[in-house]
Amino acid sequence: MSKPQVMVMSTVYPSALANLEAQFDLLRWDQAEDRGAFLRSNGKNCRVVILNGHVPLGENELKHLPSLELVACTSAGFEAIDLEQLSRAGIALTNASQALRDDVADAVLMLLLATYRNLVQCDAYVRTGQWGQDGPYPLLSTLKGKRAGILGFGTIGQEIAARLTPMKNSKSGTVRGVKRTSGSPISQTLNRSPSGVTSLSWWFRAVKTPVIWLGGTF
């Protein structure tokens, strides 16, 4: 019995690739010199496509993949994938948000604190000897009392919000996010929800409290 055909359209880690090769007939679009010709010649019986969210997959590609059942996206984002076309064709889509959410949210919090408190500049200030010459580094502001807006309030965006909430922001409506679904902004929040990106912006303007804009994901 022949193995199901899976088309590989982006880089896959060697260990994962070995597991896939043991179970499936892999079509290496990612290694093809003429990818368009490769897709036209090999797409007919392909049931699964593996790619990341930067690889275009829309009507032009799907017409050469009549047997496609699943698109497995190895990244959290899937900006280059045409969701409407997949829906019309009844093709399922998976992504890596669940697997990546904690690590990405941790990294966002780390970068936020490092940026807000000038960690890199402070490190250089000590290493170059300025501390001894010019005295302590100037005082900086705290995240306490700030408002945080997250544009992209999906699995990872909500994990970012969960990490920001205990950091003693203002008491009401501190962390808000906007999630985009099928091209339309849909608001979600840990508190009261604004109606979209515009309302999120007005929410910031309504107070003089300093704000933090963050880019979440899906």
C-alpha atoms as a PDB file:
ATOM      1  CA  MET A   1       0.000   0.000   0.000  1.00  0.00           C
ATOM      2  CA  SER A   2       1.429   3.390  -0.996  1.00  0.00           C
ATOM      3  CA  LYS A   3       2.062   6.054   1.580  1.00  0.00           C
ATOM      4  CA  PRO A   4      -0.081   9.220   1.632  1.00  0.00           C
ATOM      5  CA  GLN A   5       1.569  12.108  -0.175  1.00  0.00           C
ATOM      6  CA  VAL A   6       2.623  15.145   1.834  1.00  0.00           C
ATOM      7  CA  MET A   7       4.092  18.233   0.209  1.00  0.00           C
ATOM      8  CA  VAL A   8       6.803  20.025   2.188  1.00  0.00           C
ATOM      9  CA  MET A   9       6.760  23.742   1.352  1.00  0.00           C
ATOM     10  CA  SER A  10       9.057  25.145   4.055  1.00  0.00           C
ATOM     11  CA  THR A  11      11.954  24.067   6.256  1.00  0.00           C
ATOM     12  CA  VAL A  12      11.254  21.182   8.641  1.00  0.00           C
ATOM     13  CA  TYR A  13      13.600  20.217  11.472  1.00  0.00           C
ATOM     14  CA  PRO A  14      15.642  17.077  10.637  1.00  0.00           C
ATOM     15  CA  SER A  15      14.185  14.994  13.479  1.00  0.00           C
ATOM     16  CA  ALA A  16      10.633  15.841  12.437  1.00  0.00           C
ATOM     17  CA  LEU A  17      11.505  15.253   8.802  1.00  0.00           C
ATOM     18  CA  ALA A  18      12.787  11.762   9.607  1.00  0.00           C
ATOM     19  CA  ASN A  19       9.512  10.908  11.331  1.00  0.00           C
ATOM     20  CA  LEU A  20       7.542  12.191   8.372  1.00  0.00           C
ATOM     21  CA  GLU A  21       9.639  10.255   5.879  1.00  0.00           C
ATOM     22  CA  ALA A  22       8.897   7.022   7.745  1.00  0.00           C
ATOM     23  CA  GLN A  23       5.158   7.515   7.412  1.00  0.00           C
ATOM     24  CA  PHE A  24       4.541   9.540   4.259  1.00  0.00           C
ATOM     25  CA  ASP A  25       5.680  10.022   0.680  1.00  0.00           C
ATOM     26  CA  LEU A  26       7.244  13.483   0.930  1.00  0.00           C
ATOM     27  CA  LEU A  27       7.100  15.821  -2.043  1.00  0.00           C
ATOM     28  CA  ARG A  28       9.916  18.345  -1.593  1.00  0.00           C
ATOM     29  CA  TRP A  29       8.516  21.515  -3.117  1.00  0.00           C
ATOM     30  CA  ASP A  30      10.913  23.414  -0.849  1.00  0.00           C
ATOM     31  CA  GLN A  31      13.888  21.954  -2.741  1.00  0.00           C
ATOM     32  CA  ALA A  32      12.516  22.294  -6.270  1.00  0.00           C
ATOM     33  CA  GLU A  33      14.272  24.629  -8.697  1.00  0.00           C
ATOM     34  CA  ASP A  34      11.000  25.430 -10.494  1.00  0.00           C
ATOM     35  CA  ARG A  35       8.432  25.358  -7.731  1.00  0.00           C
ATOM     36  CA  GLY A  36       5.526  26.246  -9.987  1.00  0.00           C
ATOM     37  CA  ALA A  37       6.263  23.345 -12.325  1.00  0.00           C
ATOM     38  CA  PHE A  38       6.815  21.023  -9.371  1.00  0.00           C
ATOM     39  CA  LEU A  39       3.413  21.891  -7.934  1.00  0.00           C
ATOM     40  CA  ARG A  40       1.666  21.399 -11.266  1.00  0.00           C
ATOM     41  CA  SER A  41       3.332  18.018 -11.769  1.00  0.00           C
ATOM     42  CA  ASN A  42       3.050  16.612  -8.249  1.00  0.00           C
ATOM     43  CA  GLY A  43       0.046  18.215  -6.596  1.00  0.00           C
ATOM     44  CA  LYS A  44      -2.755  16.001  -7.909  1.00  0.00           C
ATOM     45  CA  ASN A  45      -2.670  13.319  -5.184  1.00  0.00           C
ATOM     46  CA  CYS A  46      -1.193  15.371  -2.365  1.00  0.00           C
ATOM     47  CA  ARG A  47      -3.371  15.187   0.762  1.00  0.00           C
ATOM     48  CA  VAL A  48      -1.369  17.339   3.190  1.00  0.00           C
ATOM     49  CA  VAL A  49       0.780  20.442   2.835  1.00  0.00           C
ATOM     50  CA  ILE A  50       3.367  21.482   5.433  1.00  0.00           C
ATOM     51  CA  LEU A  51       4.442  25.124   5.367  1.00  0.00           C
ATOM     52  CA  ASN A  52       4.962  28.209   7.483  1.00  0.00           C
ATOM     53  CA  GLY A  53       2.792  31.290   7.455  1.00  0.00           C
ATOM     54  CA  HIS A  54       5.019  33.163   5.003  1.00  0.00           C
ATOM     55  CA  VAL A  55       4.511  30.713   2.121  1.00  0.00           C
ATOM     56  CA  PRO A  56       1.668  31.867  -0.164  1.00  0.00           C
ATOM     57  CA  LEU A  57      -1.179  29.389  -0.428  1.00  0.00           C
ATOM     58  CA  GLY A  58      -4.255  30.600  -2.249  1.00  0.00           C
ATOM     59  CA  GLU A  59      -6.388  29.987  -5.308  1.00  0.00           C
ATOM     60  CA  ASN A  60      -3.424  29.751  -7.693  1.00  0.00           C
ATOM     61  CA  GLU A  61      -1.808  27.003  -5.622  1.00  0.00           C
ATOM     62  CA  LEU A  62      -4.936  25.172  -4.512  1.00  0.00           C
ATOM     63  CA  LYS A  63      -6.140  24.565  -8.055  1.00  0.00           C
ATOM     64  CA  HIS A  64      -3.170  22.204  -8.418  1.00  0.00           C
ATOM     65  CA  LEU A  65      -3.986  20.431  -5.141  1.00  0.00           C
ATOM     66  CA  PRO A  66      -7.430  18.880  -5.756  1.00  0.00           C
ATOM     67  CA  SER A  67      -6.950  16.116  -3.156  1.00  0.00           C
ATOM     68  CA  LEU A  68      -5.729  18.405  -0.358  1.00  0.00           C
ATOM     69  CA  GLU A  69      -7.334  17.743   3.039  1.00  0.00           C
ATOM     70  CA  LEU A  70      -5.047  19.471   5.539  1.00  0.00           C
ATOM     71  CA  VAL A  71      -2.693  22.446   5.679  1.00  0.00           C
ATOM     72  CA  ALA A  72      -0.252  22.068   8.581  1.00  0.00           C
ATOM     73  CA  CYS A  73       1.296  25.441   9.374  1.00  0.00           C
ATOM     74  CA  THR A  74       4.467  25.205  11.440  1.00  0.00           C
ATOM     75  CA  SER A  75       4.247  28.813  12.667  1.00  0.00           C
ATOM     76  CA  ALA A  76       1.702  30.624  14.803  1.00  0.00           C
ATOM     77  CA  GLY A  77       0.859  33.166  12.110  1.00  0.00           C
ATOM     78  CA  PHE A  78      -0.672  32.247   8.752  1.00  0.00           C
ATOM     79  CA  GLU A  79      -0.818  35.608   6.995  1.00  0.00           C
ATOM     80  CA  ALA A  80      -0.039  34.267   3.509  1.00  0.00           C
ATOM     81  CA  ILE A  81      -2.667  31.509   3.593  1.00  0.00           C
ATOM     82  CA  ASP A  82      -6.047  32.280   2.036  1.00  0.00           C
ATOM     83  CA  LEU A  83      -8.501  31.153   4.704  1.00  0.00           C
ATOM     84  CA  GLU A  84     -11.561  31.797   2.551  1.00  0.00           C
ATOM     85  CA  GLN A  85     -10.259  29.518  -0.176  1.00  0.00           C
ATOM     86  CA  LEU A  86      -9.500  26.784   2.351  1.00  0.00           C
ATOM     87  CA  SER A  87     -12.974  27.103   3.831  1.00  0.00           C
ATOM     88  CA  ARG A  88     -14.659  26.865   0.438  1.00  0.00           C
ATOM     89  CA  ALA A  89     -12.706  23.738  -0.376  1.00  0.00           C
ATOM     90  CA  GLY A  90     -13.326  22.162   3.045  1.00  0.00           C
ATOM     91  CA  ILE A  91      -9.606  22.022   3.810  1.00  0.00           C
ATOM     92  CA  ALA A  92      -8.578  22.044   7.475  1.00  0.00           C
ATOM     93  CA  LEU A  93      -5.816  24.299   8.823  1.00  0.00           C
ATOM     94  CA  THR A  94      -3.654  23.753  11.879  1.00  0.00           C
ATOM     95  CA  ASN A  95      -1.024  26.101  13.296  1.00  0.00           C
ATOM     96  CA  ALA A  96       1.552  26.110  16.080  1.00  0.00           C
ATOM     97  CA  SER A  97      -0.031  28.620  18.477  1.00  0.00           C
ATOM     98  CA  GLN A  98      -0.738  26.054  21.172  1.00  0.00           C
ATOM     99  CA  ALA A  99       2.818  24.718  21.071  1.00  0.00           C
ATOM    100  CA  LEU A 100       4.487  28.132  20.961  1.00  0.00           C
ATOM    101  CA  ARG A 101       2.229  30.232  23.161  1.00  0.00           C
ATOM    102  CA  ASP A 102       4.116  30.037  26.469  1.00  0.00           C
ATOM    103  CA  ASP A 103       7.606  30.517  25.051  1.00  0.00           C
ATOM    104  CA  VAL A 104       6.555  33.391  22.809  1.00  0.00           C
ATOM    105  CA  ALA A 105       4.603  35.124  25.585  1.00  0.00           C
ATOM    106  CA  ASP A 106       7.594  34.744  27.927  1.00  0.00           C
ATOM    107  CA  ALA A 107       9.855  36.255  25.273  1.00  0.00           C
ATOM    108  CA  VAL A 108       7.458  39.173  24.742  1.00  0.00           C
ATOM    109  CA  LEU A 109       7.427  39.944  28.464  1.00  0.00           C
ATOM    110  CA  MET A 110      11.221  39.718  28.583  1.00  0.00           C
ATOM    111  CA  LEU A 111      11.593  42.108  25.626  1.00  0.00           C
ATOM    112  CA  LEU A 112       8.960  44.472  27.010  1.00  0.00           C
ATOM    113  CA  LEU A 113      10.739  44.787  30.349  1.00  0.00           C
ATOM    114  CA  ALA A 114      14.159  45.039  28.682  1.00  0.00           C
ATOM    115  CA  THR A 115      12.915  47.795  26.367  1.00  0.00           C
ATOM    116  CA  TYR A 116      10.912  49.720  28.922  1.00  0.00           C
ATOM    117  CA  ARG A 117      13.717  49.694  31.482  1.00  0.00           C
ATOM    118  CA  ASN A 118      16.567  50.251  28.976  1.00  0.00           C
ATOM    119  CA  LEU A 119      18.253  46.999  29.965  1.00  0.00           C
ATOM    120  CA  VAL A 120      20.660  46.939  27.009  1.00  0.00           C
ATOM    121  CA  GLN A 121      21.651  50.577  27.528  1.00  0.00           C
ATOM    122  CA  CYS A 122      22.083  50.022  31.265  1.00  0.00           C
ATOM    123  CA  ASP A 123      24.288  47.017  30.615  1.00  0.00           C
ATOM    124  CA  ALA A 124      26.484  49.073  28.286  1.00  0.00           C
ATOM    125  CA  TYR A 125      26.537  51.887  30.845  1.00  0.00           C
ATOM    126  CA  VAL A 126      28.091  49.541  33.398  1.00  0.00           C
ATOM    127  CA  ARG A 127      30.413  47.681  31.026  1.00  0.00           C
ATOM    128  CA  THR A 128      31.945  50.836  29.552  1.00  0.00           C
ATOM    129  CA  GLY A 129      32.666  52.317  32.953  1.00  0.00           C
ATOM    130  CA  GLN A 130      30.194  55.215  32.693  1.00  0.00           C
ATOM    131  CA  TRP A 131      28.708  54.169  36.029  1.00  0.00           C
ATOM    132  CA  GLY A 132      31.959  55.059  37.746  1.00  0.00           C
ATOM    133  CA  GLN A 133      32.437  58.296  35.785  1.00  0.00           C
ATOM    134  CA  ASP A 134      28.920  59.736  35.641  1.00  0.00           C
ATOM    135  CA  GLY A 135      27.169  58.073  38.555  1.00  0.00           C
ATOM    136  CA  PRO A 136      23.992  55.980  38.592  1.00  0.00           C
ATOM    137  CA  TYR A 137      21.938  55.554  35.424  1.00  0.00           C
ATOM    138  CA  PRO A 138      18.951  57.952  35.290  1.00  0.00           C
ATOM    139  CA  LEU A 139      15.785  56.678  36.945  1.00  0.00           C
ATOM    140  CA  LEU A 140      13.194  55.083  34.678  1.00  0.00           C
ATOM    141  CA  SER A 141       9.452  54.542  34.849  1.00  0.00           C
ATOM    142  CA  THR A 142       7.631  51.416  36.020  1.00  0.00           C
ATOM    143  CA  LEU A 143       5.045  49.339  34.205  1.00  0.00           C
ATOM    144  CA  LYS A 144       2.714  49.810  37.176  1.00  0.00           C
ATOM    145  CA  GLY A 145      -0.348  51.799  36.208  1.00  0.00           C
ATOM    146  CA  LYS A 146       0.233  51.546  32.466  1.00  0.00           C
ATOM    147  CA  ARG A 147      -2.355  50.371  29.967  1.00  0.00           C
ATOM    148  CA  ALA A 148      -1.457  47.632  27.507  1.00  0.00           C
ATOM    149  CA  GLY A 149      -3.120  47.157  24.138  1.00  0.00           C
ATOM    150  CA  ILE A 150      -2.547  43.910  22.231  1.00  0.00           C
ATOM    151  CA  LEU A 151      -3.269  43.918  18.504  1.00  0.00           C
ATOM    152  CA  GLY A 152      -3.724  40.255  17.657  1.00  0.00           C
ATOM    153  CA  PHE A 153      -5.539  38.739  20.606  1.00  0.00           C
ATOM    154  CA  GLY A 154      -5.428  35.053  19.776  1.00  0.00           C
ATOM    155  CA  THR A 155      -3.841  32.190  21.683  1.00  0.00           C
ATOM    156  CA  ILE A 156      -0.491  33.942  22.138  1.00  0.00           C
ATOM    157  CA  GLY A 157      -1.978  37.409  22.600  1.00  0.00           C
ATOM    158  CA  GLN A 158      -4.096  36.134  25.478  1.00  0.00           C
ATOM    159  CA  GLU A 159      -1.052  34.518  27.089  1.00  0.00           C
ATOM    160  CA  ILE A 160       0.736  37.867  26.898  1.00  0.00           C
ATOM    161  CA  ALA A 161      -2.255  39.512  28.574  1.00  0.00           C
ATOM    162  CA  ALA A 162      -2.266  36.883  31.317  1.00  0.00           C
ATOM    163  CA  ARG A 163       1.351  37.711  32.112  1.00  0.00           C
ATOM    164  CA  LEU A 164       0.789  41.468  32.117  1.00  0.00           C
ATOM    165  CA  THR A 165      -2.275  41.430  34.346  1.00  0.00           C
ATOM    166  CA  PRO A 166      -0.471  40.586  37.647  1.00  0.00           C
ATOM    167  CA  MET A 167       2.041  43.398  37.098  1.00  0.00           C
ATOM    168  CA  LYS A 168      -0.046  45.941  39.027  1.00  0.00           C
ATOM    169  CA  ASN A 169      -1.419  47.942  36.129  1.00  0.00           C
ATOM    170  CA  SER A 170      -4.322  50.320  36.724  1.00  0.00           C
ATOM    171  CA  LYS A 171      -7.260  48.725  38.489  1.00  0.00           C
ATOM    172  CA  SER A 172      -9.863  48.567  35.704  1.00  0.00           C
ATOM    173  CA  GLY A 173      -9.583  47.571  32.062  1.00  0.00           C
ATOM    174  CA  THR A 174      -5.816  47.515  32.033  1.00  0.00           C
ATOM    175  CA  VAL A 175      -5.135  44.967  29.297  1.00  0.00           C
ATOM    176  CA  ARG A 176      -7.214  44.919  26.159  1.00  0.00           C
ATOM    177  CA  GLY A 177      -6.770  43.166  22.860  1.00  0.00           C
ATOM    178  CA  VAL A 178      -8.248  43.031  19.390  1.00  0.00           C
ATOM    179  CA  LYS A 179      -8.434  39.824  17.409  1.00  0.00           C
ATOM    180  CA  ARG A 180      -8.884  39.829  13.657  1.00  0.00           C
ATOM    181  CA  THR A 181     -10.986  36.997  12.203  1.00  0.00           C
ATOM    182  CA  SER A 182     -11.798  36.659   8.480  1.00  0.00           C
ATOM    183  CA  GLY A 183     -10.699  40.230   7.882  1.00  0.00           C
ATOM    184  CA  SER A 184     -12.974  41.777  10.520  1.00  0.00           C
ATOM    185  CA  PRO A 185     -11.780  43.051  13.902  1.00  0.00           C
ATOM    186  CA  ILE A 186     -13.342  41.144  16.794  1.00  0.00           C
ATOM    187  CA  SER A 187     -12.489  42.440  20.236  1.00  0.00           C
ATOM    188  CA  GLN A 188     -11.661  40.276  23.204  1.00  0.00           C
ATOM    189  CA  THR A 189     -10.447  41.430  26.588  1.00  0.00           C
ATOM    190  CA  LEU A 190      -9.878  40.378  30.140  1.00  0.00           C
ATOM    191  CA  ASN A 191     -12.272  43.186  31.111  1.00  0.00           C
ATOM    192  CA  ARG A 192     -14.704  45.219  28.988  1.00  0.00           C
ATOM    193  CA  SER A 193     -14.228  44.902  25.228  1.00  0.00           C
ATOM    194  CA  PRO A 194     -13.759  47.740  22.766  1.00  0.00           C
ATOM    195  CA  SER A 195     -15.420  47.212  19.388  1.00  0.00           C
ATOM    196  CA  GLY A 196     -12.228  47.079  17.334  1.00  0.00           C
ATOM    197  CA  VAL A 197      -8.853  48.630  16.644  1.00  0.00           C
ATOM    198  CA  THR A 198     -10.328  52.140  16.491  1.00  0.00           C
ATOM    199  CA  SER A 199     -12.044  51.735  19.844  1.00  0.00           C
ATOM    200  CA  LEU A 200      -8.846  50.352  21.318  1.00  0.00           C
ATOM    201  CA  SER A 201      -7.119  53.527  20.195  1.00  0.00           C
ATOM    202  CA  TRP A 202      -9.855  55.698  21.720  1.00  0.00           C
ATOM    203  CA  TRP A 203      -9.590  53.710  24.940  1.00  0.00           C
ATOM    204  CA  PHE A 204      -5.984  54.858  25.145  1.00  0.00           C
ATOM    205  CA  ARG A 205      -6.821  58.462  24.278  1.00  0.00           C
ATOM    206  CA  ALA A 206      -9.504  58.645  26.955  1.00  0.00           C
ATOM    207  CA  VAL A 207      -6.906  58.701  29.731  1.00  0.00           C
ATOM    208  CA  LYS A 208      -3.581  60.382  30.283  1.00  0.00           C
ATOM    209  CA  THR A 209      -2.061  57.178  31.633  1.00  0.00           C
ATOM    210  CA  PRO A 210       0.996  56.103  29.576  1.00  0.00           C
ATOM    211  CA  VAL A 211       0.248  53.161  27.316  1.00  0.00           C
ATOM    212  CA  ILE A 212       2.001  50.142  25.865  1.00  0.00           C
ATOM    213  CA  TRP A 213       1.178  48.786  22.382  1.00  0.00           C
ATOM    214  CA  LEU A 214       2.019  45.155  21.761  1.00  0.00           C
ATOM    215  CA  GLY A 215       1.688  43.000  18.671  1.00  0.00           C
ATOM    216  CA  GLY A 216       0.164  39.665  19.582  1.00  0.00           C
ATOM    217  CA  THR A 217      -0.620  36.865  17.175  1.00  0.00           C
ATOM    218  CA  PHE A 218      -3.248  34.330  16.288  1.00  0.00           C
END
